[in-house]
N, C-alpha and C. Protein backbone atom coordinates (compact mmCIF):
# COMPACT_ATOMS: atom_id res chain seq x y z
N MET A 1 15.27 11.87 25.55
CA MET A 1 14.05 12.47 24.85
C MET A 1 13.25 11.72 24.28
N ALA A 2 12.00 11.67 24.42
CA ALA A 2 10.80 11.07 23.68
C ALA A 2 10.72 11.60 22.21
N ASN A 3 10.57 10.64 21.42
CA ASN A 3 10.19 10.95 19.99
C ASN A 3 8.97 11.40 19.76
N ASN A 4 8.72 12.68 19.52
CA ASN A 4 7.09 13.03 19.45
C ASN A 4 6.69 13.26 18.03
N SER A 5 7.32 12.55 17.01
CA SER A 5 6.89 12.66 15.63
C SER A 5 5.57 11.99 15.61
N LEU A 6 4.86 12.50 14.37
CA LEU A 6 3.51 11.71 14.08
C LEU A 6 3.62 11.31 12.64
N ASP A 7 3.04 10.01 12.62
CA ASP A 7 2.93 9.39 11.19
C ASP A 7 1.49 9.50 11.07
N LEU A 8 1.03 9.92 9.83
CA LEU A 8 -0.32 10.15 9.38
C LEU A 8 -0.55 9.63 8.12
N VAL A 9 -1.54 8.81 7.86
CA VAL A 9 -1.62 8.17 6.63
C VAL A 9 -3.12 8.60 6.17
N PHE A 10 -3.31 9.07 4.96
CA PHE A 10 -4.57 9.51 4.35
C PHE A 10 -4.96 8.33 3.47
N LEU A 11 -6.24 7.70 3.96
CA LEU A 11 -6.85 6.70 3.24
C LEU A 11 -8.01 7.05 2.49
N GLN A 12 -7.93 6.84 1.08
CA GLN A 12 -9.00 7.37 0.30
C GLN A 12 -9.76 6.28 -0.42
N ASP A 13 -11.00 6.38 -0.30
CA ASP A 13 -12.09 5.28 -1.11
C ASP A 13 -12.10 5.84 -2.37
N LEU A 14 -11.56 4.86 -3.48
CA LEU A 14 -11.47 5.11 -4.67
C LEU A 14 -12.79 4.45 -5.50
N SER A 15 -13.62 3.76 -4.82
CA SER A 15 -14.89 3.52 -5.37
C SER A 15 -15.82 4.40 -6.17
N THR A 16 -16.51 3.95 -7.18
CA THR A 16 -17.39 5.03 -7.86
C THR A 16 -18.40 5.75 -7.01
N SER A 17 -18.74 5.04 -5.96
CA SER A 17 -19.63 5.93 -5.10
C SER A 17 -19.05 7.09 -4.37
N PHE A 18 -17.83 7.32 -4.48
CA PHE A 18 -17.02 8.35 -3.83
C PHE A 18 -16.46 9.31 -4.63
N ASP A 19 -16.81 9.06 -5.99
CA ASP A 19 -16.07 9.73 -7.18
C ASP A 19 -16.39 11.41 -6.84
N ASP A 20 -17.55 11.77 -6.54
CA ASP A 20 -17.75 13.20 -6.41
C ASP A 20 -16.97 13.63 -5.00
N ASP A 21 -16.62 13.10 -4.11
CA ASP A 21 -15.91 13.44 -2.90
C ASP A 21 -14.40 13.48 -3.23
N ILE A 22 -13.80 12.88 -4.10
CA ILE A 22 -12.41 12.66 -4.17
C ILE A 22 -11.68 14.11 -4.61
N ALA A 23 -12.48 14.90 -5.34
CA ALA A 23 -11.71 16.35 -5.48
C ALA A 23 -11.72 17.07 -4.50
N ILE A 24 -12.78 17.10 -3.59
CA ILE A 24 -12.94 17.86 -2.09
C ILE A 24 -11.81 17.36 -1.39
N VAL A 25 -11.65 16.23 -1.07
CA VAL A 25 -10.57 15.65 -0.27
C VAL A 25 -9.20 15.83 -0.58
N LYS A 26 -9.04 15.67 -2.08
CA LYS A 26 -7.82 16.43 -2.58
C LYS A 26 -7.60 17.72 -2.32
N GLY A 27 -8.53 18.58 -2.31
CA GLY A 27 -8.42 20.00 -2.10
C GLY A 27 -8.12 20.30 -0.57
N LEU A 28 -8.63 19.49 0.45
CA LEU A 28 -8.46 19.63 1.78
C LEU A 28 -7.05 19.09 2.25
N ILE A 29 -6.31 18.29 1.39
CA ILE A 29 -5.25 17.66 2.14
C ILE A 29 -4.02 18.57 2.39
N PRO A 30 -3.75 19.66 1.31
CA PRO A 30 -2.85 20.40 1.78
C PRO A 30 -2.88 21.43 2.96
N GLU A 31 -4.31 21.94 3.13
CA GLU A 31 -4.62 22.67 4.35
C GLU A 31 -4.47 21.87 5.49
N LEU A 32 -4.94 20.64 5.57
CA LEU A 32 -4.71 19.67 6.73
C LEU A 32 -3.51 19.21 6.98
N ALA A 33 -2.62 19.09 5.90
CA ALA A 33 -1.21 18.71 6.28
C ALA A 33 -0.39 19.90 6.92
N THR A 34 -0.91 20.95 6.32
CA THR A 34 -0.11 22.44 6.91
C THR A 34 -0.75 22.49 8.43
N ALA A 35 -1.83 22.34 8.75
CA ALA A 35 -2.39 22.47 10.10
C ALA A 35 -1.89 21.32 11.07
N VAL A 36 -1.57 20.27 10.54
CA VAL A 36 -0.94 19.06 11.33
C VAL A 36 0.58 19.30 11.41
N ARG A 37 1.36 19.91 10.57
CA ARG A 37 2.66 20.37 10.73
C ARG A 37 2.93 21.49 11.54
N ASN A 38 1.94 22.35 11.79
CA ASN A 38 2.17 23.53 12.77
C ASN A 38 1.91 23.03 13.91
N ILE A 39 1.34 21.85 14.36
CA ILE A 39 1.29 21.28 15.79
C ILE A 39 2.38 20.36 15.99
N GLU A 40 2.84 19.64 14.98
CA GLU A 40 3.97 18.38 14.97
C GLU A 40 4.71 18.82 13.74
N PRO A 41 5.77 19.43 13.75
CA PRO A 41 6.67 19.73 12.69
C PRO A 41 7.32 18.48 12.00
N ASP A 42 7.39 17.37 13.03
CA ASP A 42 8.17 16.08 12.48
C ASP A 42 7.32 15.26 11.87
N THR A 43 6.07 15.61 11.38
CA THR A 43 4.98 14.70 10.91
C THR A 43 5.58 14.10 9.58
N ARG A 44 5.33 12.85 9.49
CA ARG A 44 5.43 12.15 8.13
C ARG A 44 4.02 11.67 7.58
N PHE A 45 3.85 11.80 6.21
CA PHE A 45 2.63 11.61 5.68
C PHE A 45 2.75 10.46 4.71
N GLY A 46 1.60 9.54 4.76
CA GLY A 46 1.53 8.55 3.67
C GLY A 46 0.14 8.50 3.07
N PHE A 47 0.12 7.82 2.05
CA PHE A 47 -1.24 7.91 1.31
C PHE A 47 -1.52 6.36 0.79
N ALA A 48 -2.83 5.95 1.02
CA ALA A 48 -3.25 4.63 0.57
C ALA A 48 -4.58 4.87 0.12
N SER A 49 -5.10 3.81 -0.69
CA SER A 49 -6.30 3.83 -1.08
C SER A 49 -6.99 2.35 -1.10
N PHE A 50 -8.30 2.38 -1.29
CA PHE A 50 -8.97 1.16 -1.23
C PHE A 50 -10.19 1.21 -2.11
N VAL A 51 -10.81 0.15 -2.50
CA VAL A 51 -12.06 0.17 -3.04
C VAL A 51 -12.85 -1.32 -2.37
N ASP A 52 -14.14 -0.87 -2.47
CA ASP A 52 -14.85 -2.07 -1.68
C ASP A 52 -15.39 -2.99 -2.93
N LYS A 53 -15.20 -2.74 -4.06
CA LYS A 53 -15.58 -3.61 -5.13
C LYS A 53 -14.35 -3.66 -6.08
N PRO A 54 -13.38 -4.45 -5.98
CA PRO A 54 -12.16 -4.30 -6.43
C PRO A 54 -12.08 -4.61 -8.05
N ARG A 55 -13.21 -5.03 -8.64
CA ARG A 55 -13.13 -5.37 -9.97
C ARG A 55 -13.49 -4.16 -10.99
N THR A 56 -12.71 -3.27 -10.91
CA THR A 56 -13.10 -2.03 -11.82
C THR A 56 -11.70 -1.64 -12.56
N ALA A 57 -11.92 -1.08 -13.62
CA ALA A 57 -10.77 -0.67 -14.52
C ALA A 57 -9.88 0.33 -13.79
N ARG A 58 -10.26 1.15 -12.83
CA ARG A 58 -9.54 2.01 -12.11
C ARG A 58 -8.49 1.32 -11.14
N THR A 59 -8.79 -0.01 -10.74
CA THR A 59 -8.06 -0.37 -9.53
C THR A 59 -7.20 -1.65 -9.73
N ASP A 60 -7.40 -2.24 -11.04
CA ASP A 60 -6.54 -3.40 -11.50
C ASP A 60 -6.93 -4.71 -10.54
N GLY A 61 -8.04 -4.59 -9.66
CA GLY A 61 -8.52 -5.73 -8.98
C GLY A 61 -7.89 -5.70 -7.39
N TYR A 62 -7.22 -4.60 -7.01
CA TYR A 62 -6.76 -4.58 -5.54
C TYR A 62 -7.98 -4.24 -4.66
N VAL A 63 -7.86 -4.44 -3.26
CA VAL A 63 -8.75 -3.96 -2.32
C VAL A 63 -8.19 -2.85 -1.63
N TYR A 64 -6.80 -2.94 -1.20
CA TYR A 64 -6.04 -1.89 -0.54
C TYR A 64 -4.61 -1.88 -1.09
N GLN A 65 -4.10 -0.62 -1.18
CA GLN A 65 -2.83 -0.48 -1.44
C GLN A 65 -2.20 0.86 -0.91
N THR A 66 -1.03 0.67 -0.65
CA THR A 66 -0.06 1.70 -0.23
C THR A 66 0.35 2.52 -1.42
N ASP A 67 -0.08 3.87 -1.62
CA ASP A 67 0.27 4.67 -2.62
C ASP A 67 1.49 5.28 -2.55
N LEU A 68 1.67 5.74 -1.31
CA LEU A 68 3.00 6.51 -1.03
C LEU A 68 3.35 6.32 0.39
N LYS A 69 4.58 5.53 0.34
CA LYS A 69 5.02 5.27 1.98
C LYS A 69 5.15 6.58 2.86
N LEU A 70 5.36 6.42 4.12
CA LEU A 70 5.70 7.72 4.86
C LEU A 70 6.81 8.45 4.38
N ILE A 71 6.43 9.88 4.10
CA ILE A 71 7.74 10.73 3.84
C ILE A 71 7.24 12.08 4.27
N THR A 72 8.18 12.88 4.36
CA THR A 72 8.11 14.34 4.79
C THR A 72 7.13 15.17 3.82
N LEU A 73 6.65 16.27 4.52
CA LEU A 73 5.85 17.24 3.53
C LEU A 73 6.69 17.85 2.59
N GLU A 74 7.96 18.01 2.98
CA GLU A 74 8.86 19.00 1.89
C GLU A 74 8.93 17.94 0.81
N LEU A 75 9.15 16.65 0.98
CA LEU A 75 9.44 15.62 -0.31
C LEU A 75 8.01 15.38 -0.84
N ILE A 76 6.94 15.51 -0.23
CA ILE A 76 5.52 15.45 -1.04
C ILE A 76 5.36 16.82 -2.12
N ILE A 77 5.92 17.80 -1.43
CA ILE A 77 5.96 19.19 -2.28
C ILE A 77 6.83 18.98 -3.55
N LEU A 78 7.92 18.32 -3.32
CA LEU A 78 8.90 18.39 -4.27
C LEU A 78 8.30 17.43 -5.46
N VAL A 79 7.99 16.15 -4.98
CA VAL A 79 7.50 15.23 -6.08
C VAL A 79 6.20 15.78 -6.69
N THR A 80 5.35 16.52 -6.08
CA THR A 80 4.24 17.14 -6.73
C THR A 80 4.73 18.15 -7.83
N GLN A 81 5.68 18.99 -7.43
CA GLN A 81 6.28 19.85 -8.45
C GLN A 81 6.86 19.09 -9.62
N ILE A 82 7.68 17.93 -9.46
CA ILE A 82 8.19 17.53 -10.49
C ILE A 82 7.13 16.73 -11.36
N TYR A 83 6.16 16.09 -10.78
CA TYR A 83 4.94 15.62 -11.47
C TYR A 83 4.27 16.64 -12.42
N GLN A 84 3.94 17.78 -11.60
CA GLN A 84 3.18 18.82 -12.53
C GLN A 84 3.98 19.15 -13.62
N LYS A 85 5.29 19.28 -13.49
CA LYS A 85 6.08 19.83 -14.75
C LYS A 85 6.03 18.77 -15.86
N LEU A 86 6.14 17.56 -15.45
CA LEU A 86 6.15 16.37 -16.61
C LEU A 86 4.68 16.07 -17.31
N ASN A 87 3.54 16.47 -16.66
CA ASN A 87 2.44 16.43 -17.15
C ASN A 87 1.86 17.88 -17.70
């Protein structure tokens, strides 16, 4: 039997030119993740970011980094809930 799972990585531009869009993208991710899971329940999600001008206070000089390796949506929800309780 073939493995039909899907690995999906969200790549976010963190440069200042994209500041106004970051909140919109964050708001769309839960709906998109749910829609993808409805099609492929075994989907794993990851998150990465990049900046085209890495010398800013926000990025500590990186160009690209993996912010969250591939994990299931359930684990993302759990981590989010814990983070929200701590902050």
